[in-house]
Amino acid sequence: MAHFMINPTKKLTTKHLFRTIWDDEEDMDESIVWVCISYLRQKLQAIQADISILGEKGGDFCLLQD
C-alpha cells in the first residue's frame, strides 16, 4: 500500500510492483502481486475508504480517489 501512496494516480505495472517489493524473494512469482492487490482492495472496501486500486490481473494498477 505504501508504494501506491507514494505514487498516487501513477500506473504501476505488475512487473514493476513485483520487482520493487518481492524481487529478492526466490520462491515468489508475479502472481503474488494479484493476491496482494485483491487483499488490499478487500481491506479498503471494509473500511469504506475513499480510495481504490484500479487495474486487472497481469496489467497495470493505479491508486485513485473515489
PDB file of N, CA and C in Angstrom:
ATOM      1  N   MET A   1       0.829  -1.187   0.000  1.00  0.00           N
ATOM      2  CA  MET A   1       0.000   0.000   0.000  1.00  0.00           C
ATOM      3  C   MET A   1       0.874   1.253   0.000  1.00  0.00           C
ATOM      4  N   ALA A   2       1.960   1.184   0.724  1.00  0.00           N
ATOM      5  CA  ALA A   2       2.847   2.347   0.803  1.00  0.00           C
ATOM      6  C   ALA A   2       3.349   2.754  -0.582  1.00  0.00           C
ATOM      7  N   HIS A   3       3.659   1.779  -1.415  1.00  0.00           N
ATOM      8  CA  HIS A   3       4.167   2.100  -2.754  1.00  0.00           C
ATOM      9  C   HIS A   3       3.103   2.826  -3.581  1.00  0.00           C
ATOM     10  N   PHE A   4       1.844   2.436  -3.425  1.00  0.00           N
ATOM     11  CA  PHE A   4       0.761   3.138  -4.113  1.00  0.00           C
ATOM     12  C   PHE A   4       0.606   4.556  -3.575  1.00  0.00           C
ATOM     13  N   MET A   5       0.734   4.719  -2.280  1.00  0.00           N
ATOM     14  CA  MET A   5       0.553   6.042  -1.682  1.00  0.00           C
ATOM     15  C   MET A   5       1.676   6.997  -2.084  1.00  0.00           C
ATOM     16  N   ILE A   6       2.863   6.467  -2.294  1.00  0.00           N
ATOM     17  CA  ILE A   6       3.988   7.286  -2.756  1.00  0.00           C
ATOM     18  C   ILE A   6       3.798   7.682  -4.219  1.00  0.00           C
ATOM     19  N   ASN A   7       3.057   6.868  -4.965  1.00  0.00           N
ATOM     20  CA  ASN A   7       2.842   7.082  -6.402  1.00  0.00           C
ATOM     21  C   ASN A   7       1.354   7.188  -6.741  1.00  0.00           C
ATOM     22  N   PRO A   8       0.619   8.109  -6.097  1.00  0.00           N
ATOM     23  CA  PRO A   8      -0.825   8.184  -6.368  1.00  0.00           C
ATOM     24  C   PRO A   8      -1.094   8.548  -7.823  1.00  0.00           C
ATOM     25  N   THR A   9      -2.110   7.958  -8.367  1.00  0.00           N
ATOM     26  CA  THR A   9      -2.593   8.146  -9.744  1.00  0.00           C
ATOM     27  C   THR A   9      -1.612   7.655 -10.820  1.00  0.00           C
ATOM     28  N   LYS A  10      -0.456   7.171 -10.435  1.00  0.00           N
ATOM     29  CA  LYS A  10       0.517   6.665 -11.406  1.00  0.00           C
ATOM     30  C   LYS A  10       0.218   5.199 -11.707  1.00  0.00           C
ATOM     31  N   LYS A  11       0.246   4.832 -12.988  1.00  0.00           N
ATOM     32  CA  LYS A  11       0.054   3.433 -13.371  1.00  0.00           C
ATOM     33  C   LYS A  11       1.314   2.649 -13.031  1.00  0.00           C
ATOM     34  N   LEU A  12       1.127   1.595 -12.249  1.00  0.00           N
ATOM     35  CA  LEU A  12       2.237   0.739 -11.845  1.00  0.00           C
ATOM     36  C   LEU A  12       2.017  -0.644 -12.450  1.00  0.00           C
ATOM     37  N   THR A  13       2.980  -1.113 -13.202  1.00  0.00           N
ATOM     38  CA  THR A  13       2.837  -2.418 -13.844  1.00  0.00           C
ATOM     39  C   THR A  13       3.026  -3.538 -12.823  1.00  0.00           C
ATOM     40  N   THR A  14       2.482  -4.691 -13.160  1.00  0.00           N
ATOM     41  CA  THR A  14       2.672  -5.874 -12.321  1.00  0.00           C
ATOM     42  C   THR A  14       4.162  -6.154 -12.167  1.00  0.00           C
ATOM     43  N   LYS A  15       4.890  -6.067 -13.256  1.00  0.00           N
ATOM     44  CA  LYS A  15       6.330  -6.325 -13.233  1.00  0.00           C
ATOM     45  C   LYS A  15       7.048  -5.341 -12.314  1.00  0.00           C
ATOM     46  N   HIS A  16       6.689  -4.056 -12.396  1.00  0.00           N
ATOM     47  CA  HIS A  16       7.313  -3.040 -11.541  1.00  0.00           C
ATOM     48  C   HIS A  16       7.036  -3.323 -10.067  1.00  0.00           C
ATOM     49  N   LEU A  17       5.777  -3.610  -9.737  1.00  0.00           N
ATOM     50  CA  LEU A  17       5.430  -3.890  -8.344  1.00  0.00           C
ATOM     51  C   LEU A  17       6.181  -5.113  -7.832  1.00  0.00           C
ATOM     52  N   PHE A  18       6.242  -6.154  -8.645  1.00  0.00           N
ATOM     53  CA  PHE A  18       6.947  -7.368  -8.234  1.00  0.00           C
ATOM     54  C   PHE A  18       8.426  -7.085  -7.995  1.00  0.00           C
ATOM     55  N   ARG A  19       9.056  -6.413  -8.925  1.00  0.00           N
ATOM     56  CA  ARG A  19      10.491  -6.134  -8.787  1.00  0.00           C
ATOM     57  C   ARG A  19      10.784  -5.214  -7.607  1.00  0.00           C
ATOM     58  N   THR A  20       9.911  -4.256  -7.371  1.00  0.00           N
ATOM     59  CA  THR A  20      10.121  -3.305  -6.282  1.00  0.00           C
ATOM     60  C   THR A  20       9.933  -3.951  -4.912  1.00  0.00           C
ATOM     61  N   ILE A  21       8.957  -4.839  -4.794  1.00  0.00           N
ATOM     62  CA  ILE A  21       8.583  -5.363  -3.480  1.00  0.00           C
ATOM     63  C   ILE A  21       9.118  -6.770  -3.218  1.00  0.00           C
ATOM     64  N   TRP A  22       9.091  -7.653  -4.209  1.00  0.00           N
ATOM     65  CA  TRP A  22       9.413  -9.067  -3.973  1.00  0.00           C
ATOM     66  C   TRP A  22      10.616  -9.593  -4.751  1.00  0.00           C
ATOM     67  N   ASP A  23      11.347  -8.769  -5.427  1.00  0.00           N
ATOM     68  CA  ASP A  23      12.404  -9.261  -6.316  1.00  0.00           C
ATOM     69  C   ASP A  23      13.442 -10.126  -5.602  1.00  0.00           C
ATOM     70  N   ASP A  24      13.686  -9.874  -4.331  1.00  0.00           N
ATOM     71  CA  ASP A  24      14.697 -10.648  -3.613  1.00  0.00           C
ATOM     72  C   ASP A  24      14.159 -11.966  -3.045  1.00  0.00           C
ATOM     73  N   GLU A  25      12.880 -12.239  -3.258  1.00  0.00           N
ATOM     74  CA  GLU A  25      12.263 -13.484  -2.794  1.00  0.00           C
ATOM     75  C   GLU A  25      12.392 -14.546  -3.888  1.00  0.00           C
ATOM     76  N   GLU A  26      13.155 -15.578  -3.626  1.00  0.00           N
ATOM     77  CA  GLU A  26      13.424 -16.601  -4.637  1.00  0.00           C
ATOM     78  C   GLU A  26      12.217 -17.469  -4.972  1.00  0.00           C
ATOM     79  N   ASP A  27      11.338 -17.708  -4.012  1.00  0.00           N
ATOM     80  CA  ASP A  27      10.226 -18.632  -4.236  1.00  0.00           C
ATOM     81  C   ASP A  27       8.924 -17.935  -4.634  1.00  0.00           C
ATOM     82  N   MET A  28       8.987 -16.672  -5.019  1.00  0.00           N
ATOM     83  CA  MET A  28       7.796 -15.910  -5.409  1.00  0.00           C
ATOM     84  C   MET A  28       7.787 -15.689  -6.917  1.00  0.00           C
ATOM     85  N   ASP A  29       6.572 -15.538  -7.472  1.00  0.00           N
ATOM     86  CA  ASP A  29       6.453 -15.118  -8.863  1.00  0.00           C
ATOM     87  C   ASP A  29       5.447 -13.966  -8.923  1.00  0.00           C
ATOM     88  N   GLU A  30       5.227 -13.445 -10.118  1.00  0.00           N
ATOM     89  CA  GLU A  30       4.394 -12.252 -10.267  1.00  0.00           C
ATOM     90  C   GLU A  30       2.944 -12.452  -9.842  1.00  0.00           C
ATOM     91  N   SER A  31       2.496 -13.685  -9.684  1.00  0.00           N
ATOM     92  CA  SER A  31       1.112 -13.913  -9.258  1.00  0.00           C
ATOM     93  C   SER A  31       0.854 -13.387  -7.849  1.00  0.00           C
ATOM     94  N   ILE A  32       1.901 -13.221  -7.056  1.00  0.00           N
ATOM     95  CA  ILE A  32       1.743 -12.681  -5.701  1.00  0.00           C
ATOM     96  C   ILE A  32       1.216 -11.245  -5.743  1.00  0.00           C
ATOM     97  N   VAL A  33       1.521 -10.532  -6.810  1.00  0.00           N
ATOM     98  CA  VAL A  33       1.035  -9.153  -6.943  1.00  0.00           C
ATOM     99  C   VAL A  33      -0.490  -9.147  -6.947  1.00  0.00           C
ATOM    100  N   TRP A  34      -1.103 -10.021  -7.737  1.00  0.00           N
ATOM    101  CA  TRP A  34      -2.563 -10.080  -7.814  1.00  0.00           C
ATOM    102  C   TRP A  34      -3.172 -10.471  -6.471  1.00  0.00           C
ATOM    103  N   VAL A  35      -2.562 -11.412  -5.798  1.00  0.00           N
ATOM    104  CA  VAL A  35      -3.050 -11.842  -4.483  1.00  0.00           C
ATOM    105  C   VAL A  35      -3.066 -10.657  -3.514  1.00  0.00           C
ATOM    106  N   CYS A  36      -1.988  -9.911  -3.483  1.00  0.00           N
ATOM    107  CA  CYS A  36      -1.897  -8.774  -2.559  1.00  0.00           C
ATOM    108  C   CYS A  36      -2.811  -7.624  -2.967  1.00  0.00           C
ATOM    109  N   ILE A  37      -2.965  -7.371  -4.255  1.00  0.00           N
ATOM    110  CA  ILE A  37      -3.888  -6.335  -4.722  1.00  0.00           C
ATOM    111  C   ILE A  37      -5.307  -6.696  -4.298  1.00  0.00           C
ATOM    112  N   SER A  38      -5.686  -7.942  -4.465  1.00  0.00           N
ATOM    113  CA  SER A  38      -7.024  -8.393  -4.065  1.00  0.00           C
ATOM    114  C   SER A  38      -7.234  -8.197  -2.569  1.00  0.00           C
ATOM    115  N   TYR A  39      -6.235  -8.529  -1.782  1.00  0.00           N
ATOM    116  CA  TYR A  39      -6.301  -8.354  -0.334  1.00  0.00           C
ATOM    117  C   TYR A  39      -6.449  -6.872   0.024  1.00  0.00           C
ATOM    118  N   LEU A  40      -5.636  -6.020  -0.591  1.00  0.00           N
ATOM    119  CA  LEU A  40      -5.720  -4.583  -0.314  1.00  0.00           C
ATOM    120  C   LEU A  40      -7.086  -4.021  -0.699  1.00  0.00           C
ATOM    121  N   ARG A  41      -7.632  -4.453  -1.816  1.00  0.00           N
ATOM    122  CA  ARG A  41      -8.964  -3.999  -2.234  1.00  0.00           C
ATOM    123  C   ARG A  41     -10.018  -4.370  -1.197  1.00  0.00           C
ATOM    124  N   GLN A  42      -9.950  -5.587  -0.674  1.00  0.00           N
ATOM    125  CA  GLN A  42     -10.906  -6.020   0.352  1.00  0.00           C
ATOM    126  C   GLN A  42     -10.779  -5.171   1.605  1.00  0.00           C
ATOM    127  N   LYS A  43      -9.565  -4.877   2.013  1.00  0.00           N
ATOM    128  CA  LYS A  43      -9.343  -4.063   3.212  1.00  0.00           C
ATOM    129  C   LYS A  43      -9.845  -2.634   3.007  1.00  0.00           C
ATOM    130  N   LEU A  44      -9.597  -2.062   1.837  1.00  0.00           N
ATOM    131  CA  LEU A  44     -10.080  -0.711   1.551  1.00  0.00           C
ATOM    132  C   LEU A  44     -11.601  -0.663   1.558  1.00  0.00           C
ATOM    133  N   GLN A  45     -12.228  -1.685   1.006  1.00  0.00           N
ATOM    134  CA  GLN A  45     -13.685  -1.749   0.987  1.00  0.00           C
ATOM    135  C   GLN A  45     -14.231  -1.927   2.405  1.00  0.00           C
ATOM    136  N   ALA A  46     -13.574  -2.729   3.216  1.00  0.00           N
ATOM    137  CA  ALA A  46     -14.034  -3.000   4.579  1.00  0.00           C
ATOM    138  C   ALA A  46     -14.050  -1.744   5.444  1.00  0.00           C
ATOM    139  N   ILE A  47     -13.105  -0.839   5.206  1.00  0.00           N
ATOM    140  CA  ILE A  47     -13.069   0.397   5.999  1.00  0.00           C
ATOM    141  C   ILE A  47     -13.769   1.554   5.283  1.00  0.00           C
ATOM    142  N   GLN A  48     -14.418   1.237   4.180  1.00  0.00           N
ATOM    143  CA  GLN A  48     -15.143   2.222   3.378  1.00  0.00           C
ATOM    144  C   GLN A  48     -14.249   3.410   3.012  1.00  0.00           C
ATOM    145  N   ALA A  49     -13.047   3.081   2.560  1.00  0.00           N
ATOM    146  CA  ALA A  49     -12.083   4.105   2.166  1.00  0.00           C
ATOM    147  C   ALA A  49     -12.569   4.849   0.930  1.00  0.00           C
ATOM    148  N   ASP A  50     -12.116   6.082   0.790  1.00  0.00           N
ATOM    149  CA  ASP A  50     -12.484   6.876  -0.382  1.00  0.00           C
ATOM    150  C   ASP A  50     -11.418   6.779  -1.473  1.00  0.00           C
ATOM    151  N   ILE A  51     -10.643   5.703  -1.423  1.00  0.00           N
ATOM    152  CA  ILE A  51      -9.652   5.407  -2.454  1.00  0.00           C
ATOM    153  C   ILE A  51      -9.851   3.969  -2.907  1.00  0.00           C
ATOM    154  N   SER A  52      -9.398   3.676  -4.119  1.00  0.00           N
ATOM    155  CA  SER A  52      -9.485   2.310  -4.623  1.00  0.00           C
ATOM    156  C   SER A  52      -8.312   2.042  -5.560  1.00  0.00           C
ATOM    157  N   ILE A  53      -8.042   0.769  -5.754  1.00  0.00           N
ATOM    158  CA  ILE A  53      -6.978   0.345  -6.657  1.00  0.00           C
ATOM    159  C   ILE A  53      -7.634  -0.191  -7.917  1.00  0.00           C
ATOM    160  N   LEU A  54      -7.367   0.468  -9.027  1.00  0.00           N
ATOM    161  CA  LEU A  54      -7.916   0.053 -10.312  1.00  0.00           C
ATOM    162  C   LEU A  54      -6.890  -0.780 -11.060  1.00  0.00           C
ATOM    163  N   GLY A  55      -7.369  -1.677 -11.887  1.00  0.00           N
ATOM    164  CA  GLY A  55      -6.487  -2.491 -12.711  1.00  0.00           C
ATOM    165  C   GLY A  55      -6.952  -3.930 -12.746  1.00  0.00           C
ATOM    166  N   GLU A  56      -6.316  -4.704 -13.617  1.00  0.00           N
ATOM    167  CA  GLU A  56      -6.680  -6.103 -13.803  1.00  0.00           C
ATOM    168  C   GLU A  56      -5.458  -6.995 -13.681  1.00  0.00           C
ATOM    169  N   LYS A  57      -5.706  -8.245 -13.390  1.00  0.00           N
ATOM    170  CA  LYS A  57      -4.643  -9.227 -13.191  1.00  0.00           C
ATOM    171  C   LYS A  57      -3.656  -9.209 -14.356  1.00  0.00           C
ATOM    172  N   GLY A  58      -2.380  -9.096 -14.019  1.00  0.00           N
ATOM    173  CA  GLY A  58      -1.325  -9.101 -15.018  1.00  0.00           C
ATOM    174  C   GLY A  58      -1.101  -7.768 -15.707  1.00  0.00           C
ATOM    175  N   GLY A  59      -1.903  -6.774 -15.385  1.00  0.00           N
ATOM    176  CA  GLY A  59      -1.797  -5.476 -16.047  1.00  0.00           C
ATOM    177  C   GLY A  59      -1.263  -4.391 -15.138  1.00  0.00           C
ATOM    178  N   ASP A  60      -1.664  -3.166 -15.446  1.00  0.00           N
ATOM    179  CA  ASP A  60      -1.261  -2.010 -14.655  1.00  0.00           C
ATOM    180  C   ASP A  60      -2.264  -1.776 -13.536  1.00  0.00           C
ATOM    181  N   PHE A  61      -1.780  -1.191 -12.430  1.00  0.00           N
ATOM    182  CA  PHE A  61      -2.630  -0.851 -11.300  1.00  0.00           C
ATOM    183  C   PHE A  61      -2.402   0.606 -10.941  1.00  0.00           C
ATOM    184  N   CYS A  62      -3.445   1.222 -10.392  1.00  0.00           N
ATOM    185  CA  CYS A  62      -3.382   2.637 -10.076  1.00  0.00           C
ATOM    186  C   CYS A  62      -4.239   2.916  -8.846  1.00  0.00           C
ATOM    187  N   LEU A  63      -3.734   3.727  -7.930  1.00  0.00           N
ATOM    188  CA  LEU A  63      -4.490   4.143  -6.754  1.00  0.00           C
ATOM    189  C   LEU A  63      -5.207   5.444  -7.086  1.00  0.00           C
ATOM    190  N   LEU A  64      -6.525   5.440  -6.955  1.00  0.00           N
ATOM    191  CA  LEU A  64      -7.319   6.625  -7.262  1.00  0.00           C
ATOM    192  C   LEU A  64      -8.278   6.935  -6.132  1.00  0.00           C
ATOM    193  N   GLN A  65      -8.543   8.219  -5.975  1.00  0.00           N
ATOM    194  CA  GLN A  65      -9.548   8.639  -5.008  1.00  0.00           C
ATOM    195  C   GLN A  65     -10.916   8.527  -5.664  1.00  0.00           C
ATOM    196  N   ASP A  66     -11.882   7.974  -4.922  1.00  0.00           N
ATOM    197  CA  ASP A  66     -13.238   7.793  -5.456  1.00  0.00           C
ATOM    198  C   ASP A  66     -13.976   9.116  -5.553  1.00  0.00           C
TER     199      ASP A  66
END
